[in-house]
Amino acid sequence: MARTPATYLVHGPSLRKQRKSLGLTVQQAAARAGISRSYLQRLETGTRERMGPPRYIRLRTALNATDDQLSPPPEEPQEGR
């Protein structure tokens, strides 16, 4: 059985892109997810990068997003390393 992670890593630019694709303001998205506007802003700007499972699930549901849509993109291998 898969365990729920202690926290979820969220990619701010991806989060903002998903919110805007739905035509939502920060306030509207935050209200849908049951979180504060300032908390959502800190996530989008990268001031905060991790969320606990209950808030993360509410935000993901409010934005009709998948884990992949809100997670950081995979790192590209760099040459010469």
PDB file of N, CA and C in Angstrom:
ATOM      1  N   MET A   1       0.845  -1.168   0.000  1.00  0.00           N
ATOM      2  CA  MET A   1       0.000   0.000   0.000  1.00  0.00           C
ATOM      3  C   MET A   1       0.897   1.240   0.000  1.00  0.00           C
ATOM      4  N   ALA A   2       0.596   2.194  -0.853  1.00  0.00           N
ATOM      5  CA  ALA A   2       1.388   3.420  -0.959  1.00  0.00           C
ATOM      6  C   ALA A   2       1.097   4.341   0.221  1.00  0.00           C
ATOM      7  N   ARG A   3       2.163   4.928   0.760  1.00  0.00           N
ATOM      8  CA  ARG A   3       2.003   5.867   1.871  1.00  0.00           C
ATOM      9  C   ARG A   3       1.904   7.284   1.332  1.00  0.00           C
ATOM     10  N   THR A   4       1.125   8.092   1.994  1.00  0.00           N
ATOM     11  CA  THR A   4       1.015   9.504   1.639  1.00  0.00           C
ATOM     12  C   THR A   4       2.293  10.201   2.081  1.00  0.00           C
ATOM     13  N   PRO A   5       2.913  11.001   1.190  1.00  0.00           N
ATOM     14  CA  PRO A   5       4.121  11.714   1.603  1.00  0.00           C
ATOM     15  C   PRO A   5       3.817  12.696   2.735  1.00  0.00           C
ATOM     16  N   ALA A   6       4.843  12.998   3.532  1.00  0.00           N
ATOM     17  CA  ALA A   6       4.677  13.954   4.631  1.00  0.00           C
ATOM     18  C   ALA A   6       4.401  15.346   4.082  1.00  0.00           C
ATOM     19  N   THR A   7       5.034  15.692   2.982  1.00  0.00           N
ATOM     20  CA  THR A   7       4.789  16.967   2.297  1.00  0.00           C
ATOM     21  C   THR A   7       4.888  16.756   0.790  1.00  0.00           C
ATOM     22  N   TYR A   8       4.296  17.678   0.066  1.00  0.00           N
ATOM     23  CA  TYR A   8       4.358  17.656  -1.393  1.00  0.00           C
ATOM     24  C   TYR A   8       5.150  18.862  -1.861  1.00  0.00           C
ATOM     25  N   LEU A   9       6.064  18.639  -2.802  1.00  0.00           N
ATOM     26  CA  LEU A   9       6.826  19.722  -3.404  1.00  0.00           C
ATOM     27  C   LEU A   9       5.988  20.315  -4.530  1.00  0.00           C
ATOM     28  N   VAL A  10       5.822  21.633  -4.502  1.00  0.00           N
ATOM     29  CA  VAL A  10       4.993  22.330  -5.484  1.00  0.00           C
ATOM     30  C   VAL A  10       5.858  23.297  -6.280  1.00  0.00           C
ATOM     31  N   HIS A  11       5.666  23.337  -7.590  1.00  0.00           N
ATOM     32  CA  HIS A  11       6.404  24.235  -8.480  1.00  0.00           C
ATOM     33  C   HIS A  11       5.554  25.477  -8.730  1.00  0.00           C
ATOM     34  N   GLY A  12       6.001  26.618  -8.195  1.00  0.00           N
ATOM     35  CA  GLY A  12       5.238  27.865  -8.266  1.00  0.00           C
ATOM     36  C   GLY A  12       4.786  28.270  -9.654  1.00  0.00           C
ATOM     37  N   PRO A  13       5.701  28.314 -10.651  1.00  0.00           N
ATOM     38  CA  PRO A  13       5.268  28.709 -11.995  1.00  0.00           C
ATOM     39  C   PRO A  13       4.222  27.757 -12.588  1.00  0.00           C
ATOM     40  N   SER A  14       4.344  26.471 -12.313  1.00  0.00           N
ATOM     41  CA  SER A  14       3.349  25.510 -12.810  1.00  0.00           C
ATOM     42  C   SER A  14       2.008  25.714 -12.131  1.00  0.00           C
ATOM     43  N   LEU A  15       2.067  26.001 -10.844  1.00  0.00           N
ATOM     44  CA  LEU A  15       0.849  26.278 -10.083  1.00  0.00           C
ATOM     45  C   LEU A  15       0.143  27.512 -10.636  1.00  0.00           C
ATOM     46  N   ARG A  16       0.893  28.583 -10.865  1.00  0.00           N
ATOM     47  CA  ARG A  16       0.325  29.818 -11.413  1.00  0.00           C
ATOM     48  C   ARG A  16      -0.272  29.568 -12.808  1.00  0.00           C
ATOM     49  N   LYS A  17       0.444  28.810 -13.636  1.00  0.00           N
ATOM     50  CA  LYS A  17      -0.039  28.512 -14.992  1.00  0.00           C
ATOM     51  C   LYS A  17      -1.377  27.768 -14.929  1.00  0.00           C
ATOM     52  N   GLN A  18      -1.475  26.799 -14.046  1.00  0.00           N
ATOM     53  CA  GLN A  18      -2.719  26.030 -13.913  1.00  0.00           C
ATOM     54  C   GLN A  18      -3.859  26.921 -13.437  1.00  0.00           C
ATOM     55  N   ARG A  19      -3.590  27.768 -12.459  1.00  0.00           N
ATOM     56  CA  ARG A  19      -4.621  28.678 -11.945  1.00  0.00           C
ATOM     57  C   ARG A  19      -5.110  29.607 -13.039  1.00  0.00           C
ATOM     58  N   LYS A  20      -4.165  30.204 -13.773  1.00  0.00           N
ATOM     59  CA  LYS A  20      -4.541  31.147 -14.827  1.00  0.00           C
ATOM     60  C   LYS A  20      -5.259  30.461 -15.985  1.00  0.00           C
ATOM     61  N   SER A  21      -4.921  29.207 -16.257  1.00  0.00           N
ATOM     62  CA  SER A  21      -5.605  28.487 -17.337  1.00  0.00           C
ATOM     63  C   SER A  21      -7.084  28.305 -17.035  1.00  0.00           C
ATOM     64  N   LEU A  22      -7.426  28.342 -15.750  1.00  0.00           N
ATOM     65  CA  LEU A  22      -8.832  28.247 -15.346  1.00  0.00           C
ATOM     66  C   LEU A  22      -9.493  29.616 -15.244  1.00  0.00           C
ATOM     67  N   GLY A  23      -8.695  30.672 -15.445  1.00  0.00           N
ATOM     68  CA  GLY A  23      -9.235  32.024 -15.366  1.00  0.00           C
ATOM     69  C   GLY A  23      -9.525  32.469 -13.943  1.00  0.00           C
ATOM     70  N   LEU A  24      -8.799  31.915 -12.984  1.00  0.00           N
ATOM     71  CA  LEU A  24      -9.040  32.238 -11.576  1.00  0.00           C
ATOM     72  C   LEU A  24      -8.033  33.260 -11.064  1.00  0.00           C
ATOM     73  N   THR A  25      -8.493  34.146 -10.199  1.00  0.00           N
ATOM     74  CA  THR A  25      -7.583  35.039  -9.490  1.00  0.00           C
ATOM     75  C   THR A  25      -6.970  34.252  -8.334  1.00  0.00           C
ATOM     76  N   VAL A  26      -5.944  34.815  -7.724  1.00  0.00           N
ATOM     77  CA  VAL A  26      -5.338  34.173  -6.558  1.00  0.00           C
ATOM     78  C   VAL A  26      -6.395  34.006  -5.471  1.00  0.00           C
ATOM     79  N   GLN A  27      -7.185  35.047  -5.246  1.00  0.00           N
ATOM     80  CA  GLN A  27      -8.221  34.994  -4.209  1.00  0.00           C
ATOM     81  C   GLN A  27      -9.252  33.902  -4.493  1.00  0.00           C
ATOM     82  N   GLN A  28      -9.693  33.787  -5.738  1.00  0.00           N
ATOM     83  CA  GLN A  28     -10.685  32.775  -6.093  1.00  0.00           C
ATOM     84  C   GLN A  28     -10.137  31.360  -5.909  1.00  0.00           C
ATOM     85  N   ALA A  29      -8.913  31.128  -6.365  1.00  0.00           N
ATOM     86  CA  ALA A  29      -8.309  29.800  -6.237  1.00  0.00           C
ATOM     87  C   ALA A  29      -8.093  29.446  -4.773  1.00  0.00           C
ATOM     88  N   ALA A  30      -7.625  30.413  -4.002  1.00  0.00           N
ATOM     89  CA  ALA A  30      -7.402  30.177  -2.575  1.00  0.00           C
ATOM     90  C   ALA A  30      -8.715  29.837  -1.868  1.00  0.00           C
ATOM     91  N   ALA A  31      -9.768  30.576  -2.195  1.00  0.00           N
ATOM     92  CA  ALA A  31     -11.071  30.319  -1.580  1.00  0.00           C
ATOM     93  C   ALA A  31     -11.568  28.918  -1.932  1.00  0.00           C
ATOM     94  N   ARG A  32     -11.400  28.519  -3.182  1.00  0.00           N
ATOM     95  CA  ARG A  32     -11.816  27.174  -3.604  1.00  0.00           C
ATOM     96  C   ARG A  32     -11.077  26.090  -2.835  1.00  0.00           C
ATOM     97  N   ALA A  33      -9.791  26.343  -2.555  1.00  0.00           N
ATOM     98  CA  ALA A  33      -8.955  25.350  -1.883  1.00  0.00           C
ATOM     99  C   ALA A  33      -9.020  25.449  -0.359  1.00  0.00           C
ATOM    100  N   GLY A  34      -9.654  26.491   0.147  1.00  0.00           N
ATOM    101  CA  GLY A  34      -9.745  26.662   1.591  1.00  0.00           C
ATOM    102  C   GLY A  34      -8.419  27.056   2.225  1.00  0.00           C
ATOM    103  N   ILE A  35      -7.612  27.820   1.481  1.00  0.00           N
ATOM    104  CA  ILE A  35      -6.343  28.329   2.003  1.00  0.00           C
ATOM    105  C   ILE A  35      -6.346  29.849   1.861  1.00  0.00           C
ATOM    106  N   SER A  36      -5.410  30.501   2.512  1.00  0.00           N
ATOM    107  CA  SER A  36      -5.373  31.961   2.423  1.00  0.00           C
ATOM    108  C   SER A  36      -4.743  32.419   1.108  1.00  0.00           C
ATOM    109  N   ARG A  37      -5.126  33.615   0.706  1.00  0.00           N
ATOM    110  CA  ARG A  37      -4.571  34.218  -0.506  1.00  0.00           C
ATOM    111  C   ARG A  37      -3.062  34.362  -0.372  1.00  0.00           C
ATOM    112  N   SER A  38      -2.593  34.798   0.795  1.00  0.00           N
ATOM    113  CA  SER A  38      -1.160  34.999   0.990  1.00  0.00           C
ATOM    114  C   SER A  38      -0.389  33.679   0.938  1.00  0.00           C
ATOM    115  N   TYR A  39      -0.977  32.609   1.442  1.00  0.00           N
ATOM    116  CA  TYR A  39      -0.328  31.292   1.373  1.00  0.00           C
ATOM    117  C   TYR A  39      -0.174  30.860  -0.080  1.00  0.00           C
ATOM    118  N   LEU A  40      -1.220  31.039  -0.880  1.00  0.00           N
ATOM    119  CA  LEU A  40      -1.155  30.680  -2.295  1.00  0.00           C
ATOM    120  C   LEU A  40      -0.130  31.553  -3.022  1.00  0.00           C
ATOM    121  N   GLN A  41      -0.085  32.822  -2.702  1.00  0.00           N
ATOM    122  CA  GLN A  41       0.908  33.702  -3.325  1.00  0.00           C
ATOM    123  C   GLN A  41       2.328  33.255  -2.992  1.00  0.00           C
ATOM    124  N   ARG A  42       2.562  32.850  -1.759  1.00  0.00           N
ATOM    125  CA  ARG A  42       3.899  32.389  -1.375  1.00  0.00           C
ATOM    126  C   ARG A  42       4.268  31.117  -2.124  1.00  0.00           C
ATOM    127  N   LEU A  43       3.302  30.259  -2.377  1.00  0.00           N
ATOM    128  CA  LEU A  43       3.562  29.053  -3.167  1.00  0.00           C
ATOM    129  C   LEU A  43       3.902  29.419  -4.609  1.00  0.00           C
ATOM    130  N   GLU A  44       3.129  30.323  -5.192  1.00  0.00           N
ATOM    131  CA  GLU A  44       3.348  30.701  -6.587  1.00  0.00           C
ATOM    132  C   GLU A  44       4.677  31.417  -6.800  1.00  0.00           C
ATOM    133  N   THR A  45       5.112  32.180  -5.821  1.00  0.00           N
ATOM    134  CA  THR A  45       6.374  32.920  -5.973  1.00  0.00           C
ATOM    135  C   THR A  45       7.582  32.091  -5.549  1.00  0.00           C
ATOM    136  N   GLY A  46       7.358  30.933  -4.971  1.00  0.00           N
ATOM    137  CA  GLY A  46       8.465  30.078  -4.557  1.00  0.00           C
ATOM    138  C   GLY A  46       8.976  30.355  -3.164  1.00  0.00           C
ATOM    139  N   THR A  47       8.347  31.289  -2.448  1.00  0.00           N
ATOM    140  CA  THR A  47       8.727  31.544  -1.065  1.00  0.00           C
ATOM    141  C   THR A  47       8.478  30.294  -0.232  1.00  0.00           C
ATOM    142  N   ARG A  48       7.405  29.605  -0.544  1.00  0.00           N
ATOM    143  CA  ARG A  48       7.107  28.287   0.040  1.00  0.00           C
ATOM    144  C   ARG A  48       7.107  27.296  -1.102  1.00  0.00           C
ATOM    145  N   GLU A  49       7.623  26.109  -0.839  1.00  0.00           N
ATOM    146  CA  GLU A  49       7.680  25.087  -1.887  1.00  0.00           C
ATOM    147  C   GLU A  49       7.011  23.779  -1.492  1.00  0.00           C
ATOM    148  N   ARG A  50       6.665  23.647  -0.231  1.00  0.00           N
ATOM    149  CA  ARG A  50       6.093  22.387   0.240  1.00  0.00           C
ATOM    150  C   ARG A  50       4.742  22.613   0.907  1.00  0.00           C
ATOM    151  N   MET A  51       3.886  21.608   0.737  1.00  0.00           N
ATOM    152  CA  MET A  51       2.544  21.654   1.331  1.00  0.00           C
ATOM    153  C   MET A  51       2.252  20.334   2.018  1.00  0.00           C
ATOM    154  N   GLY A  52       1.513  20.409   3.102  1.00  0.00           N
ATOM    155  CA  GLY A  52       1.035  19.197   3.759  1.00  0.00           C
ATOM    156  C   GLY A  52      -0.064  18.553   2.924  1.00  0.00           C
ATOM    157  N   PRO A  53      -0.266  17.250   3.082  1.00  0.00           N
ATOM    158  CA  PRO A  53      -1.239  16.531   2.250  1.00  0.00           C
ATOM    159  C   PRO A  53      -2.649  17.106   2.217  1.00  0.00           C
ATOM    160  N   PRO A  54      -3.269  17.486   3.346  1.00  0.00           N
ATOM    161  CA  PRO A  54      -4.648  17.975   3.244  1.00  0.00           C
ATOM    162  C   PRO A  54      -4.777  19.231   2.388  1.00  0.00           C
ATOM    163  N   ARG A  55      -3.913  20.203   2.598  1.00  0.00           N
ATOM    164  CA  ARG A  55      -3.965  21.435   1.801  1.00  0.00           C
ATOM    165  C   ARG A  55      -3.632  21.164   0.338  1.00  0.00           C
ATOM    166  N   TYR A  56      -2.634  20.326   0.109  1.00  0.00           N
ATOM    167  CA  TYR A  56      -2.231  20.009  -1.257  1.00  0.00           C
ATOM    168  C   TYR A  56      -3.383  19.367  -2.026  1.00  0.00           C
ATOM    169  N   ILE A  57      -4.030  18.416  -1.418  1.00  0.00           N
ATOM    170  CA  ILE A  57      -5.138  17.719  -2.090  1.00  0.00           C
ATOM    171  C   ILE A  57      -6.284  18.689  -2.383  1.00  0.00           C
ATOM    172  N   ARG A  58      -6.585  19.579  -1.433  1.00  0.00           N
ATOM    173  CA  ARG A  58      -7.645  20.570  -1.674  1.00  0.00           C
ATOM    174  C   ARG A  58      -7.263  21.508  -2.817  1.00  0.00           C
ATOM    175  N   LEU A  59      -6.004  21.946  -2.850  1.00  0.00           N
ATOM    176  CA  LEU A  59      -5.565  22.847  -3.914  1.00  0.00           C
ATOM    177  C   LEU A  59      -5.573  22.139  -5.263  1.00  0.00           C
ATOM    178  N   ARG A  60      -5.049  20.931  -5.299  1.00  0.00           N
ATOM    179  CA  ARG A  60      -5.039  20.156  -6.547  1.00  0.00           C
ATOM    180  C   ARG A  60      -6.464  19.952  -7.065  1.00  0.00           C
ATOM    181  N   THR A  61      -7.385  19.652  -6.173  1.00  0.00           N
ATOM    182  CA  THR A  61      -8.786  19.455  -6.560  1.00  0.00           C
ATOM    183  C   THR A  61      -9.396  20.768  -7.059  1.00  0.00           C
ATOM    184  N   ALA A  62      -9.130  21.867  -6.357  1.00  0.00           N
ATOM    185  CA  ALA A  62      -9.679  23.174  -6.731  1.00  0.00           C
ATOM    186  C   ALA A  62      -9.200  23.609  -8.106  1.00  0.00           C
ATOM    187  N   LEU A  63      -7.988  23.196  -8.473  1.00  0.00           N
ATOM    188  CA  LEU A  63      -7.417  23.588  -9.773  1.00  0.00           C
ATOM    189  C   LEU A  63      -7.584  22.513 -10.842  1.00  0.00           C
ATOM    190  N   ASN A  64      -8.307  21.440 -10.509  1.00  0.00           N
ATOM    191  CA  ASN A  64      -8.490  20.332 -11.460  1.00  0.00           C
ATOM    192  C   ASN A  64      -7.145  19.900 -12.035  1.00  0.00           C
ATOM    193  N   ALA A  65      -6.153  19.757 -11.180  1.00  0.00           N
ATOM    194  CA  ALA A  65      -4.789  19.466 -11.619  1.00  0.00           C
ATOM    195  C   ALA A  65      -4.358  18.066 -11.201  1.00  0.00           C
ATOM    196  N   THR A  66      -3.352  17.575 -11.888  1.00  0.00           N
ATOM    197  CA  THR A  66      -2.715  16.312 -11.520  1.00  0.00           C
ATOM    198  C   THR A  66      -1.442  16.625 -10.737  1.00  0.00           C
ATOM    199  N   ASP A  67      -0.891  15.614 -10.106  1.00  0.00           N
ATOM    200  CA  ASP A  67       0.381  15.798  -9.402  1.00  0.00           C
ATOM    201  C   ASP A  67       1.451  16.296 -10.368  1.00  0.00           C
ATOM    202  N   ASP A  68       1.489  15.735 -11.564  1.00  0.00           N
ATOM    203  CA  ASP A  68       2.497  16.132 -12.551  1.00  0.00           C
ATOM    204  C   ASP A  68       2.369  17.598 -12.947  1.00  0.00           C
ATOM    205  N   GLN A  69       1.151  18.114 -12.991  1.00  0.00           N
ATOM    206  CA  GLN A  69       0.954  19.512 -13.375  1.00  0.00           C
ATOM    207  C   GLN A  69       1.439  20.484 -12.307  1.00  0.00           C
ATOM    208  N   LEU A  70       1.501  20.074 -11.065  1.00  0.00           N
ATOM    209  CA  LEU A  70       1.898  20.970  -9.981  1.00  0.00           C
ATOM    210  C   LEU A  70       3.324  20.725  -9.488  1.00  0.00           C
ATOM    211  N   SER A  71       3.920  19.633  -9.913  1.00  0.00           N
ATOM    212  CA  SER A  71       5.266  19.281  -9.465  1.00  0.00           C
ATOM    213  C   SER A  71       6.332  19.981 -10.299  1.00  0.00           C
ATOM    214  N   PRO A  72       7.534  20.120  -9.736  1.00  0.00           N
ATOM    215  CA  PRO A  72       8.632  20.687 -10.523  1.00  0.00           C
ATOM    216  C   PRO A  72       8.926  19.803 -11.729  1.00  0.00           C
ATOM    217  N   PRO A  73       9.314  20.415 -12.852  1.00  0.00           N
ATOM    218  CA  PRO A  73       9.666  19.600 -14.014  1.00  0.00           C
ATOM    219  C   PRO A  73      10.922  18.780 -13.720  1.00  0.00           C
ATOM    220  N   PRO A  74      11.060  17.635 -14.372  1.00  0.00           N
ATOM    221  CA  PRO A  74      12.267  16.833 -14.151  1.00  0.00           C
ATOM    222  C   PRO A  74      13.509  17.616 -14.576  1.00  0.00           C
ATOM    223  N   GLU A  75      14.573  17.431 -13.829  1.00  0.00           N
ATOM    224  CA  GLU A  75      15.811  18.142 -14.168  1.00  0.00           C
ATOM    225  C   GLU A  75      16.437  17.529 -15.403  1.00  0.00           C
ATOM    226  N   GLU A  76      16.957  18.417 -16.255  1.00  0.00           N
ATOM    227  CA  GLU A  76      17.646  17.995 -17.457  1.00  0.00           C
ATOM    228  C   GLU A  76      19.069  17.604 -17.091  1.00  0.00           C
ATOM    229  N   PRO A  77      19.569  16.489 -17.631  1.00  0.00           N
ATOM    230  CA  PRO A  77      20.969  16.162 -17.374  1.00  0.00           C
ATOM    231  C   PRO A  77      21.877  17.225 -17.996  1.00  0.00           C
ATOM    232  N   GLN A  78      22.886  17.630 -17.251  1.00  0.00           N
ATOM    233  CA  GLN A  78      23.793  18.656 -17.754  1.00  0.00           C
ATOM    234  C   GLN A  78      25.047  17.998 -18.299  1.00  0.00           C
ATOM    235  N   GLU A  79      25.528  18.523 -19.423  1.00  0.00           N
ATOM    236  CA  GLU A  79      26.730  17.981 -20.044  1.00  0.00           C
ATOM    237  C   GLU A  79      27.953  18.343 -19.215  1.00  0.00           C
ATOM    238  N   GLY A  80      28.948  17.470 -19.233  1.00  0.00           N
ATOM    239  CA  GLY A  80      30.200  17.749 -18.559  1.00  0.00           C
ATOM    240  C   GLY A  80      30.180  17.452 -17.080  1.00  0.00           C
ATOM    241  N   ARG A  81      29.154  16.805 -16.602  1.00  0.00           N
ATOM    242  CA  ARG A  81      29.092  16.467 -15.166  1.00  0.00           C
ATOM    243  C   ARG A  81      29.185  14.993 -14.976  1.00  0.00           C
TER     244      ARG A  81
END
